Protein backbone atom coordinates (compact mmCIF):
# COMPACT_ATOMS: atom_id res chain seq x y z
CA MET A 1 112.35 10.77 136.44
CA PRO A 2 111.37 8.78 133.56
CA ASN A 3 108.09 6.99 133.40
CA LYS A 4 108.44 3.33 133.13
CA ARG A 5 105.65 1.66 131.90
CA THR A 6 105.15 -2.06 131.67
CA GLU A 7 103.91 -3.12 128.11
CA GLN A 8 100.91 -5.18 128.28
CA PRO A 9 100.21 -8.23 126.27
CA TRP A 10 96.95 -6.60 124.64
CA GLU A 11 98.86 -3.75 123.86
CA ARG A 12 100.32 -2.73 120.52
CA GLN A 13 103.72 -4.87 120.42
CA LYS A 14 107.15 -3.67 119.29
CA GLY A 15 107.52 -3.85 115.59
CA GLU A 16 103.19 -4.50 115.17
CA SER A 17 102.27 -2.39 112.38
CA ALA A 18 99.22 -0.02 112.80
CA GLN A 19 97.01 -2.20 110.67
CA ALA A 20 98.31 -5.23 112.19
CA PHE A 21 97.14 -3.94 115.44
CA GLU A 22 93.92 -2.71 114.37
CA ALA A 23 93.15 -6.09 112.92
CA PHE A 24 94.54 -7.78 116.38
CA PHE A 25 92.02 -5.43 118.29
CA LEU A 26 89.24 -6.32 116.11
CA TYR A 27 90.02 -9.69 116.85
CA LEU A 28 90.54 -9.17 120.71
CA GLU A 29 86.98 -7.36 120.96
CA MET A 30 84.98 -10.45 119.33
CA GLY A 31 85.37 -12.43 122.74
CA ALA A 32 83.97 -15.56 122.64
CA ASN A 33 83.46 -15.37 118.80
CA ARG A 34 87.15 -14.46 117.55
CA SER A 35 87.71 -15.83 114.70
CA ILE A 36 90.70 -15.24 111.46
CA ARG A 37 88.03 -15.38 108.89
CA ALA A 38 85.83 -12.85 110.59
CA VAL A 39 88.58 -10.38 111.12
CA SER A 40 89.76 -10.90 107.28
CA GLN A 41 86.25 -10.16 106.32
CA GLU A 42 85.51 -7.36 108.11
CA LEU A 43 88.86 -5.73 107.21
CA GLY A 44 88.73 -6.88 103.51
CA LYS A 45 92.03 -8.31 103.68
CA SER A 46 93.38 -11.87 103.12
CA LYS A 47 92.85 -14.72 105.64
CA THR A 48 96.66 -15.70 104.69
CA LEU A 49 97.90 -12.05 105.98
CA ILE A 50 95.46 -12.24 109.20
CA ASP A 51 96.68 -15.67 110.02
CA ARG A 52 100.38 -14.37 109.55
CA TRP A 53 99.58 -11.61 111.87
CA SER A 54 98.15 -13.84 114.36
CA ARG A 55 100.95 -16.11 114.64
CA THR A 56 103.74 -13.36 114.52
CA TYR A 57 101.88 -11.18 117.13
CA LYS A 58 100.78 -14.31 119.18
CA TRP A 59 97.16 -12.81 119.14
CA VAL A 60 95.57 -16.36 121.02
CA GLU A 61 98.19 -15.72 123.92
CA ARG A 62 97.58 -12.23 124.14
CA CYS A 63 93.89 -12.43 123.93
CA ARG A 64 94.24 -15.47 126.78
CA ALA A 65 96.17 -12.79 128.76
CA TRP A 66 93.49 -10.01 128.25
CA ASP A 67 90.42 -12.40 129.15
CA ASN A 68 92.21 -13.30 132.16
CA HIS A 69 93.13 -9.37 133.14
CA ILE A 70 89.29 -8.70 132.89
CA GLN A 71 88.53 -11.62 134.93
CA TYR A 72 90.77 -10.55 137.43
CA GLU A 73 89.31 -7.00 137.50
CA ALA A 74 85.97 -8.17 137.76
CA LYS A 75 87.08 -10.03 140.93
CA LYS A 76 88.81 -7.21 142.42
CA ALA A 77 85.45 -5.17 141.64
CA ALA A 78 83.48 -7.91 143.54
CA ILE A 79 85.52 -7.92 146.43
CA THR A 80 85.55 -4.47 146.94
CA GLU A 81 81.78 -4.50 147.07
CA VAL A 82 81.41 -7.32 149.53
CA ARG A 83 83.63 -5.14 151.74
CA ASN A 84 81.41 -1.83 151.16
CA MET A 85 78.48 -4.05 152.02
CA THR A 86 80.22 -5.84 154.82
CA LYS A 87 81.22 -2.28 156.35
CA ARG A 88 77.33 -0.96 155.49
CA HIS A 89 76.19 -3.81 157.57
CA VAL A 90 78.44 -3.16 160.34
CA THR A 91 77.44 0.15 160.59
CA MET A 92 73.85 -0.67 160.72
CA ALA A 93 74.01 -3.25 163.40
CA GLN A 94 76.02 -0.81 165.52
CA GLN A 95 73.09 1.85 164.98
CA ILE A 96 70.60 -0.72 165.87
CA GLN A 97 72.59 -1.47 168.87
CA ASN A 98 72.81 2.49 169.80
CA ALA A 99 69.22 3.19 168.82
CA ALA A 100 68.16 0.01 171.21
CA MET A 101 70.66 1.52 174.10
CA LEU A 102 69.11 5.01 173.78
CA ALA A 103 65.33 3.76 173.78
CA LEU A 104 66.37 1.81 177.17
CA LYS A 105 67.76 5.10 178.69
CA GLU A 106 65.28 7.65 177.46
CA LEU A 107 62.19 5.15 178.11
CA GLY A 108 63.45 3.09 181.11
CA SER A 109 63.18 -0.35 181.34
CA ASP A 110 59.56 -0.13 182.30
CA MET A 111 58.67 1.17 178.72
CA VAL A 112 61.07 -1.10 176.86
CA ASN A 113 59.36 -4.71 175.87
CA PRO A 114 62.34 -6.89 177.43
CA LYS A 115 61.55 -9.61 174.65
CA ASN A 116 61.58 -7.31 171.94
CA PHE A 117 64.64 -5.34 173.09
CA ALA A 118 66.84 -8.67 173.65
CA ALA A 119 65.71 -9.83 170.31
CA ILE A 120 67.10 -6.91 168.74
CA VAL A 121 70.04 -6.69 170.39
CA LYS A 122 70.91 -10.17 169.82
CA LEU A 123 70.14 -9.49 165.95
CA ALA A 124 72.43 -6.57 165.82
CA THR A 125 75.25 -8.12 167.48
CA GLU A 126 75.36 -10.91 165.72
CA LEU A 127 75.05 -9.39 162.38
CA GLU A 128 77.82 -7.15 163.30
CA ARG A 129 79.84 -10.26 164.46
CA GLN A 130 79.44 -11.90 161.63
CA ASN A 131 80.00 -9.08 159.47
CA LEU A 132 83.45 -8.01 161.26
CA GLU A 133 84.32 -12.07 161.22
CA ALA A 134 83.94 -11.94 157.49
CA GLU A 135 86.02 -9.29 156.87
CA VAL A 136 89.17 -10.43 159.24
CA ALA A 137 88.60 -13.71 157.11
CA ALA A 138 89.15 -11.45 153.73
CA VAL A 139 91.94 -9.55 155.00
CA SER A 140 93.52 -12.82 156.19
CA GLU A 141 93.12 -14.39 152.94
CA ASP A 142 94.85 -11.18 151.19
CA ILE A 143 97.45 -11.48 153.38
CA THR A 144 98.32 -14.97 153.12
CA SER A 145 97.78 -14.77 149.07
CA THR A 146 100.38 -11.91 148.72
CA GLN A 147 103.18 -13.26 151.32
CA ASP A 148 105.07 -15.23 148.53
CA ASP A 149 106.74 -13.08 145.87
CA GLY A 150 105.16 -14.88 142.84
CA PRO A 151 102.26 -14.09 140.95
CA SER A 152 98.85 -14.07 142.93
CA THR A 153 96.62 -14.97 139.84
CA LEU A 154 96.76 -17.07 136.76
CA ALA A 155 96.66 -13.49 134.83
CA ASP A 156 99.53 -12.21 137.07
CA ALA A 157 101.62 -15.34 136.09
CA ILE A 158 100.57 -15.04 132.32
CA ASN A 159 101.77 -11.27 131.90
CA GLU A 160 104.57 -11.83 134.11
CA ALA A 161 105.78 -14.79 131.59
CA TRP A 162 104.50 -12.69 128.92
CA ARG A 163 107.08 -9.50 130.10
CA ARG A 164 109.80 -11.60 130.57
CA ARG A 165 109.76 -13.37 127.31
CA SER A 166 109.28 -10.04 125.23
CA GLU A 167 112.28 -8.53 127.26
CA GLU A 168 114.40 -11.69 126.34
CA ASN A 169 112.82 -11.17 122.98
CA GLU A 170 112.26 -14.99 122.64
CA PRO A 171 110.18 -16.32 120.29
């Protein structure tokens, strides 16, 4: 079965020479300081040539798609980190509850300070509840954001528009 791969805007485009792509990649890597003049100087090529490559191969749009993609990936990583933290907090809260109950069983109610025991259990259960509620809210948000069949982020929308235009060979 052939491997179908969607061409991304920041990848080398059909008809784009290796030199033009090298220039684009240099431009892309400049980040907020992107400039045709800087690419021209860095590669020792005329500004006119670099400007023509930029227009022909739509560097600004491709860089915008790349920047949006990077932002989207960073957001996904942050969400994963928050979820991992939530799971750790829930586990800790459950362990605190278990330790409190074990202490109560082993030491008996006469040996466990009721005020401290109540505070520990209350804190642990509240920590567990807050984190589980946060996780449920995050999952609910994921479900509602993926229910429509359209793109879920600006980056997805731009990538989808780029793909469609590339397939239709529109200017």
